[in-house]
Amino acid sequence: MESQLIVRIDKNTKQRLSRIVRMEGMTASAKVRELVNSYIEENDFSRLVGDLWDNAARKLKKKGYTARDVEDAIRKVRATK
């Protein structure tokens, strides 16, 4: 379900945005949605961390390590603190 977000900008900015997006064949709303989605993709920390974990898991698996090996290594490091 889509939800509405109201953003207030000055009249000149709105006119300039409308003119530019029309040249791209878009609406101002579509461009704002695109920009918001891009911002989220670039700044969603949880996704970045998830991607790092996935990458690490692939590399460890490729080297023959198992989940148990990783758990044991974590326990060993935590025990030394």
PDB file of N, CA and C in Angstrom:
ATOM      1  N   MET A   1       0.832  -1.173   0.000  1.00  0.00           N
ATOM      2  CA  MET A   1       0.000   0.000   0.000  1.00  0.00           C
ATOM      3  C   MET A   1       0.883   1.245   0.000  1.00  0.00           C
ATOM      4  N   GLU A   2       0.633   2.144  -0.907  1.00  0.00           N
ATOM      5  CA  GLU A   2       1.410   3.369  -0.978  1.00  0.00           C
ATOM      6  C   GLU A   2       0.927   4.360   0.065  1.00  0.00           C
ATOM      7  N   SER A   3       1.837   5.185   0.520  1.00  0.00           N
ATOM      8  CA  SER A   3       1.521   6.202   1.505  1.00  0.00           C
ATOM      9  C   SER A   3       2.000   7.547   0.981  1.00  0.00           C
ATOM     10  N   GLN A   4       1.363   8.587   1.426  1.00  0.00           N
ATOM     11  CA  GLN A   4       1.688   9.919   0.949  1.00  0.00           C
ATOM     12  C   GLN A   4       2.641  10.609   1.904  1.00  0.00           C
ATOM     13  N   LEU A   5       3.619  11.324   1.333  1.00  0.00           N
ATOM     14  CA  LEU A   5       4.556  12.131   2.107  1.00  0.00           C
ATOM     15  C   LEU A   5       4.472  13.546   1.548  1.00  0.00           C
ATOM     16  N   ILE A   6       4.206  14.497   2.405  1.00  0.00           N
ATOM     17  CA  ILE A   6       4.108  15.884   1.962  1.00  0.00           C
ATOM     18  C   ILE A   6       5.429  16.579   2.267  1.00  0.00           C
ATOM     19  N   VAL A   7       6.010  17.180   1.233  1.00  0.00           N
ATOM     20  CA  VAL A   7       7.275  17.893   1.374  1.00  0.00           C
ATOM     21  C   VAL A   7       7.052  19.331   0.937  1.00  0.00           C
ATOM     22  N   ARG A   8       7.480  20.260   1.737  1.00  0.00           N
ATOM     23  CA  ARG A   8       7.310  21.669   1.393  1.00  0.00           C
ATOM     24  C   ARG A   8       8.619  22.211   0.823  1.00  0.00           C
ATOM     25  N   ILE A   9       8.528  22.795  -0.375  1.00  0.00           N
ATOM     26  CA  ILE A   9       9.672  23.449  -0.999  1.00  0.00           C
ATOM     27  C   ILE A   9       9.206  24.791  -1.547  1.00  0.00           C
ATOM     28  N   ASP A  10      10.147  25.687  -1.763  1.00  0.00           N
ATOM     29  CA  ASP A  10       9.735  27.002  -2.257  1.00  0.00           C
ATOM     30  C   ASP A  10       9.264  26.905  -3.708  1.00  0.00           C
ATOM     31  N   LYS A  11       8.497  27.897  -4.106  1.00  0.00           N
ATOM     32  CA  LYS A  11       7.851  27.905  -5.410  1.00  0.00           C
ATOM     33  C   LYS A  11       8.863  27.809  -6.554  1.00  0.00           C
ATOM     34  N   ASN A  12       9.953  28.552  -6.463  1.00  0.00           N
ATOM     35  CA  ASN A  12      10.966  28.543  -7.510  1.00  0.00           C
ATOM     36  C   ASN A  12      11.591  27.156  -7.679  1.00  0.00           C
ATOM     37  N   THR A  13      11.898  26.508  -6.568  1.00  0.00           N
ATOM     38  CA  THR A  13      12.475  25.162  -6.627  1.00  0.00           C
ATOM     39  C   THR A  13      11.500  24.194  -7.267  1.00  0.00           C
ATOM     40  N   LYS A  14      10.235  24.294  -6.896  1.00  0.00           N
ATOM     41  CA  LYS A  14       9.226  23.405  -7.475  1.00  0.00           C
ATOM     42  C   LYS A  14       9.111  23.621  -8.983  1.00  0.00           C
ATOM     43  N   GLN A  15       9.098  24.864  -9.415  1.00  0.00           N
ATOM     44  CA  GLN A  15       9.001  25.148 -10.850  1.00  0.00           C
ATOM     45  C   GLN A  15      10.207  24.606 -11.608  1.00  0.00           C
ATOM     46  N   ARG A  16      11.384  24.807 -11.044  1.00  0.00           N
ATOM     47  CA  ARG A  16      12.607  24.314 -11.697  1.00  0.00           C
ATOM     48  C   ARG A  16      12.606  22.787 -11.769  1.00  0.00           C
ATOM     49  N   LEU A  17      12.214  22.140 -10.665  1.00  0.00           N
ATOM     50  CA  LEU A  17      12.147  20.684 -10.649  1.00  0.00           C
ATOM     51  C   LEU A  17      11.148  20.183 -11.687  1.00  0.00           C
ATOM     52  N   SER A  18       9.984  20.781 -11.710  1.00  0.00           N
ATOM     53  CA  SER A  18       8.947  20.358 -12.671  1.00  0.00           C
ATOM     54  C   SER A  18       9.441  20.484 -14.104  1.00  0.00           C
ATOM     55  N   ARG A  19      10.125  21.575 -14.404  1.00  0.00           N
ATOM     56  CA  ARG A  19      10.632  21.791 -15.764  1.00  0.00           C
ATOM     57  C   ARG A  19      11.677  20.726 -16.129  1.00  0.00           C
ATOM     58  N   ILE A  20      12.575  20.447 -15.218  1.00  0.00           N
ATOM     59  CA  ILE A  20      13.642  19.474 -15.490  1.00  0.00           C
ATOM     60  C   ILE A  20      13.085  18.066 -15.663  1.00  0.00           C
ATOM     61  N   VAL A  21      12.202  17.647 -14.763  1.00  0.00           N
ATOM     62  CA  VAL A  21      11.681  16.278 -14.850  1.00  0.00           C
ATOM     63  C   VAL A  21      10.786  16.085 -16.062  1.00  0.00           C
ATOM     64  N   ARG A  22      10.079  17.158 -16.490  1.00  0.00           N
ATOM     65  CA  ARG A  22       9.279  17.057 -17.718  1.00  0.00           C
ATOM     66  C   ARG A  22      10.175  16.746 -18.911  1.00  0.00           C
ATOM     67  N   MET A  23      11.371  17.352 -18.935  1.00  0.00           N
ATOM     68  CA  MET A  23      12.315  17.080 -20.027  1.00  0.00           C
ATOM     69  C   MET A  23      12.775  15.625 -20.013  1.00  0.00           C
ATOM     70  N   GLU A  24      12.742  15.014 -18.832  1.00  0.00           N
ATOM     71  CA  GLU A  24      13.107  13.601 -18.691  1.00  0.00           C
ATOM     72  C   GLU A  24      11.910  12.684 -18.923  1.00  0.00           C
ATOM     73  N   GLY A  25      10.746  13.289 -19.131  1.00  0.00           N
ATOM     74  CA  GLY A  25       9.535  12.486 -19.321  1.00  0.00           C
ATOM     75  C   GLY A  25       8.996  11.909 -18.024  1.00  0.00           C
ATOM     76  N   MET A  26       9.266  12.576 -16.916  1.00  0.00           N
ATOM     77  CA  MET A  26       8.824  12.103 -15.605  1.00  0.00           C
ATOM     78  C   MET A  26       7.960  13.155 -14.944  1.00  0.00           C
ATOM     79  N   THR A  27       7.350  12.758 -13.846  1.00  0.00           N
ATOM     80  CA  THR A  27       6.656  13.713 -12.983  1.00  0.00           C
ATOM     81  C   THR A  27       7.569  14.023 -11.802  1.00  0.00           C
ATOM     82  N   ALA A  28       7.274  15.130 -11.128  1.00  0.00           N
ATOM     83  CA  ALA A  28       8.056  15.477  -9.943  1.00  0.00           C
ATOM     84  C   ALA A  28       7.933  14.381  -8.884  1.00  0.00           C
ATOM     85  N   SER A  29       6.741  13.835  -8.725  1.00  0.00           N
ATOM     86  CA  SER A  29       6.538  12.764  -7.731  1.00  0.00           C
ATOM     87  C   SER A  29       7.377  11.536  -8.057  1.00  0.00           C
ATOM     88  N   ALA A  30       7.411  11.164  -9.337  1.00  0.00           N
ATOM     89  CA  ALA A  30       8.196   9.995  -9.734  1.00  0.00           C
ATOM     90  C   ALA A  30       9.681  10.228  -9.479  1.00  0.00           C
ATOM     91  N   LYS A  31      10.159  11.440  -9.761  1.00  0.00           N
ATOM     92  CA  LYS A  31      11.579  11.753  -9.539  1.00  0.00           C
ATOM     93  C   LYS A  31      11.907  11.734  -8.056  1.00  0.00           C
ATOM     94  N   VAL A  32      11.035  12.303  -7.241  1.00  0.00           N
ATOM     95  CA  VAL A  32      11.270  12.300  -5.791  1.00  0.00           C
ATOM     96  C   VAL A  32      11.291  10.872  -5.265  1.00  0.00           C
ATOM     97  N   ARG A  33      10.356  10.019  -5.738  1.00  0.00           N
ATOM     98  CA  ARG A  33      10.370   8.604  -5.326  1.00  0.00           C
ATOM     99  C   ARG A  33      11.694   7.947  -5.708  1.00  0.00           C
ATOM    100  N   GLU A  34      12.150   8.217  -6.930  1.00  0.00           N
ATOM    101  CA  GLU A  34      13.420   7.652  -7.398  1.00  0.00           C
ATOM    102  C   GLU A  34      14.581   8.111  -6.515  1.00  0.00           C
ATOM    103  N   LEU A  35      14.613   9.392  -6.201  1.00  0.00           N
ATOM    104  CA  LEU A  35      15.688   9.931  -5.367  1.00  0.00           C
ATOM    105  C   LEU A  35      15.646   9.373  -3.945  1.00  0.00           C
ATOM    106  N   VAL A  36      14.455   9.244  -3.391  1.00  0.00           N
ATOM    107  CA  VAL A  36      14.322   8.681  -2.037  1.00  0.00           C
ATOM    108  C   VAL A  36      14.781   7.224  -2.029  1.00  0.00           C
ATOM    109  N   ASN A  37      14.366   6.459  -3.034  1.00  0.00           N
ATOM    110  CA  ASN A  37      14.796   5.058  -3.109  1.00  0.00           C
ATOM    111  C   ASN A  37      16.307   4.946  -3.267  1.00  0.00           C
ATOM    112  N   SER A  38      16.912   5.804  -4.068  1.00  0.00           N
ATOM    113  CA  SER A  38      18.364   5.805  -4.229  1.00  0.00           C
ATOM    114  C   SER A  38      19.047   6.127  -2.913  1.00  0.00           C
ATOM    115  N   TYR A  39      18.518   7.110  -2.214  1.00  0.00           N
ATOM    116  CA  TYR A  39      19.087   7.485  -0.920  1.00  0.00           C
ATOM    117  C   TYR A  39      19.040   6.318   0.061  1.00  0.00           C
ATOM    118  N   ILE A  40      17.906   5.655   0.105  1.00  0.00           N
ATOM    119  CA  ILE A  40      17.754   4.510   1.014  1.00  0.00           C
ATOM    120  C   ILE A  40      18.745   3.409   0.647  1.00  0.00           C
ATOM    121  N   GLU A  41      18.861   3.092  -0.632  1.00  0.00           N
ATOM    122  CA  GLU A  41      19.785   2.049  -1.078  1.00  0.00           C
ATOM    123  C   GLU A  41      21.223   2.369  -0.684  1.00  0.00           C
ATOM    124  N   GLU A  42      21.600   3.636  -0.793  1.00  0.00           N
ATOM    125  CA  GLU A  42      22.972   4.042  -0.504  1.00  0.00           C
ATOM    126  C   GLU A  42      23.256   4.165   0.987  1.00  0.00           C
ATOM    127  N   ASN A  43      22.222   4.332   1.809  1.00  0.00           N
ATOM    128  CA  ASN A  43      22.432   4.652   3.215  1.00  0.00           C
ATOM    129  C   ASN A  43      21.805   3.683   4.200  1.00  0.00           C
ATOM    130  N   ASP A  44      21.234   2.602   3.719  1.00  0.00           N
ATOM    131  CA  ASP A  44      20.611   1.623   4.615  1.00  0.00           C
ATOM    132  C   ASP A  44      21.706   0.790   5.261  1.00  0.00           C
ATOM    133  N   PHE A  45      22.106   1.182   6.464  1.00  0.00           N
ATOM    134  CA  PHE A  45      23.220   0.551   7.154  1.00  0.00           C
ATOM    135  C   PHE A  45      22.993  -0.939   7.374  1.00  0.00           C
ATOM    136  N   SER A  46      21.775  -1.327   7.711  1.00  0.00           N
ATOM    137  CA  SER A  46      21.510  -2.750   7.970  1.00  0.00           C
ATOM    138  C   SER A  46      21.742  -3.575   6.707  1.00  0.00           C
ATOM    139  N   ARG A  47      21.394  -3.030   5.556  1.00  0.00           N
ATOM    140  CA  ARG A  47      21.639  -3.756   4.303  1.00  0.00           C
ATOM    141  C   ARG A  47      23.139  -3.849   4.022  1.00  0.00           C
ATOM    142  N   LEU A  48      23.866  -2.760   4.275  1.00  0.00           N
ATOM    143  CA  LEU A  48      25.314  -2.781   4.066  1.00  0.00           C
ATOM    144  C   LEU A  48      25.981  -3.831   4.946  1.00  0.00           C
ATOM    145  N   VAL A  49      25.562  -3.877   6.196  1.00  0.00           N
ATOM    146  CA  VAL A  49      26.135  -4.872   7.116  1.00  0.00           C
ATOM    147  C   VAL A  49      25.772  -6.277   6.661  1.00  0.00           C
ATOM    148  N   GLY A  50      24.530  -6.471   6.245  1.00  0.00           N
ATOM    149  CA  GLY A  50      24.111  -7.773   5.740  1.00  0.00           C
ATOM    150  C   GLY A  50      24.921  -8.201   4.535  1.00  0.00           C
ATOM    151  N   ASP A  51      25.164  -7.257   3.633  1.00  0.00           N
ATOM    152  CA  ASP A  51      25.978  -7.563   2.452  1.00  0.00           C
ATOM    153  C   ASP A  51      27.403  -7.935   2.848  1.00  0.00           C
ATOM    154  N   LEU A  52      27.956  -7.241   3.852  1.00  0.00           N
ATOM    155  CA  LEU A  52      29.309  -7.574   4.323  1.00  0.00           C
ATOM    156  C   LEU A  52      29.353  -8.990   4.901  1.00  0.00           C
ATOM    157  N   TRP A  53      28.337  -9.334   5.707  1.00  0.00           N
ATOM    158  CA  TRP A  53      28.285 -10.676   6.281  1.00  0.00           C
ATOM    159  C   TRP A  53      28.142 -11.740   5.187  1.00  0.00           C
ATOM    160  N   ASP A  54      27.299 -11.468   4.208  1.00  0.00           N
ATOM    161  CA  ASP A  54      27.125 -12.422   3.104  1.00  0.00           C
ATOM    162  C   ASP A  54      28.424 -12.618   2.344  1.00  0.00           C
ATOM    163  N   ASN A  55      29.138 -11.527   2.098  1.00  0.00           N
ATOM    164  CA  ASN A  55      30.413 -11.599   1.388  1.00  0.00           C
ATOM    165  C   ASN A  55      31.438 -12.389   2.204  1.00  0.00           C
ATOM    166  N   ALA A  56      31.498 -12.111   3.496  1.00  0.00           N
ATOM    167  CA  ALA A  56      32.427 -12.842   4.363  1.00  0.00           C
ATOM    168  C   ALA A  56      32.079 -14.324   4.395  1.00  0.00           C
ATOM    169  N   ALA A  57      30.796 -14.635   4.476  1.00  0.00           N
ATOM    170  CA  ALA A  57      30.353 -16.034   4.514  1.00  0.00           C
ATOM    171  C   ALA A  57      30.748 -16.767   3.240  1.00  0.00           C
ATOM    172  N   ARG A  58      30.575 -16.111   2.097  1.00  0.00           N
ATOM    173  CA  ARG A  58      30.964 -16.739   0.819  1.00  0.00           C
ATOM    174  C   ARG A  58      32.461 -17.033   0.778  1.00  0.00           C
ATOM    175  N   LYS A  59      33.252 -16.069   1.237  1.00  0.00           N
ATOM    176  CA  LYS A  59      34.707 -16.249   1.221  1.00  0.00           C
ATOM    177  C   LYS A  59      35.143 -17.364   2.173  1.00  0.00           C
ATOM    178  N   LEU A  60      34.537 -17.393   3.366  1.00  0.00           N
ATOM    179  CA  LEU A  60      34.877 -18.439   4.331  1.00  0.00           C
ATOM    180  C   LEU A  60      34.475 -19.813   3.818  1.00  0.00           C
ATOM    181  N   LYS A  61      33.298 -19.904   3.231  1.00  0.00           N
ATOM    182  CA  LYS A  61      32.814 -21.173   2.691  1.00  0.00           C
ATOM    183  C   LYS A  61      33.733 -21.654   1.572  1.00  0.00           C
ATOM    184  N   LYS A  62      34.164 -20.720   0.729  1.00  0.00           N
ATOM    185  CA  LYS A  62      35.059 -21.057  -0.377  1.00  0.00           C
ATOM    186  C   LYS A  62      36.385 -21.617   0.135  1.00  0.00           C
ATOM    187  N   LYS A  63      36.811 -21.123   1.307  1.00  0.00           N
ATOM    188  CA  LYS A  63      38.065 -21.601   1.900  1.00  0.00           C
ATOM    189  C   LYS A  63      37.872 -22.872   2.735  1.00  0.00           C
ATOM    190  N   GLY A  64      36.630 -23.349   2.810  1.00  0.00           N
ATOM    191  CA  GLY A  64      36.375 -24.604   3.501  1.00  0.00           C
ATOM    192  C   GLY A  64      35.955 -24.473   4.954  1.00  0.00           C
ATOM    193  N   TYR A  65      35.755 -23.251   5.432  1.00  0.00           N
ATOM    194  CA  TYR A  65      35.326 -23.059   6.812  1.00  0.00           C
ATOM    195  C   TYR A  65      33.829 -23.334   6.940  1.00  0.00           C
ATOM    196  N   THR A  66      33.434 -23.850   8.099  1.00  0.00           N
ATOM    197  CA  THR A  66      32.020 -24.120   8.365  1.00  0.00           C
ATOM    198  C   THR A  66      31.489 -23.109   9.377  1.00  0.00           C
ATOM    199  N   ALA A  67      30.191 -23.106   9.569  1.00  0.00           N
ATOM    200  CA  ALA A  67      29.579 -22.229  10.563  1.00  0.00           C
ATOM    201  C   ALA A  67      30.129 -22.558  11.949  1.00  0.00           C
ATOM    202  N   ARG A  68      30.364 -23.820  12.187  1.00  0.00           N
ATOM    203  CA  ARG A  68      30.916 -24.249  13.483  1.00  0.00           C
ATOM    204  C   ARG A  68      32.309 -23.661  13.697  1.00  0.00           C
ATOM    205  N   ASP A  69      33.132 -23.633  12.639  1.00  0.00           N
ATOM    206  CA  ASP A  69      34.469 -23.037  12.736  1.00  0.00           C
ATOM    207  C   ASP A  69      34.377 -21.562  13.133  1.00  0.00           C
ATOM    208  N   VAL A  70      33.429 -20.859  12.546  1.00  0.00           N
ATOM    209  CA  VAL A  70      33.262 -19.437  12.836  1.00  0.00           C
ATOM    210  C   VAL A  70      32.791 -19.253  14.275  1.00  0.00           C
ATOM    211  N   GLU A  71      31.825 -20.054  14.699  1.00  0.00           N
ATOM    212  CA  GLU A  71      31.333 -19.967  16.080  1.00  0.00           C
ATOM    213  C   GLU A  71      32.460 -20.229  17.069  1.00  0.00           C
ATOM    214  N   ASP A  72      33.282 -21.233  16.805  1.00  0.00           N
ATOM    215  CA  ASP A  72      34.409 -21.546  17.687  1.00  0.00           C
ATOM    216  C   ASP A  72      35.405 -20.395  17.743  1.00  0.00           C
ATOM    217  N   ALA A  73      35.686 -19.786  16.610  1.00  0.00           N
ATOM    218  CA  ALA A  73      36.618 -18.656  16.570  1.00  0.00           C
ATOM    219  C   ALA A  73      36.070 -17.476  17.364  1.00  0.00           C
ATOM    220  N   ILE A  74      34.775 -17.205  17.244  1.00  0.00           N
ATOM    221  CA  ILE A  74      34.157 -16.106  17.987  1.00  0.00           C
ATOM    222  C   ILE A  74      34.234 -16.369  19.481  1.00  0.00           C
ATOM    223  N   ARG A  75      33.910 -17.594  19.900  1.00  0.00           N
ATOM    224  CA  ARG A  75      33.993 -17.949  21.319  1.00  0.00           C
ATOM    225  C   ARG A  75      35.413 -17.772  21.842  1.00  0.00           C
ATOM    226  N   LYS A  76      36.378 -18.181  21.037  1.00  0.00           N
ATOM    227  CA  LYS A  76      37.794 -18.089  21.458  1.00  0.00           C
ATOM    228  C   LYS A  76      38.205 -16.619  21.645  1.00  0.00           C
ATOM    229  N   VAL A  77      37.816 -15.774  20.733  1.00  0.00           N
ATOM    230  CA  VAL A  77      38.156 -14.348  20.837  1.00  0.00           C
ATOM    231  C   VAL A  77      37.461 -13.729  22.040  1.00  0.00           C
ATOM    232  N   ARG A  78      36.197 -14.035  22.231  1.00  0.00           N
ATOM    233  CA  ARG A  78      35.453 -13.473  23.371  1.00  0.00           C
ATOM    234  C   ARG A  78      36.016 -13.940  24.705  1.00  0.00           C
ATOM    235  N   ALA A  79      36.555 -15.131  24.749  1.00  0.00           N
ATOM    236  CA  ALA A  79      37.109 -15.677  25.990  1.00  0.00           C
ATOM    237  C   ALA A  79      38.399 -14.967  26.377  1.00  0.00           C
ATOM    238  N   THR A  80      39.089 -14.381  25.434  1.00  0.00           N
ATOM    239  CA  THR A  80      40.353 -13.710  25.725  1.00  0.00           C
ATOM    240  C   THR A  80      40.172 -12.285  26.212  1.00  0.00           C
ATOM    241  N   LYS A  81      38.962 -11.775  26.188  1.00  0.00           N
ATOM    242  CA  LYS A  81      38.717 -10.377  26.622  1.00  0.00           C
ATOM    243  C   LYS A  81      38.536 -10.275  28.097  1.00  0.00           C
TER     244      LYS A  81
END
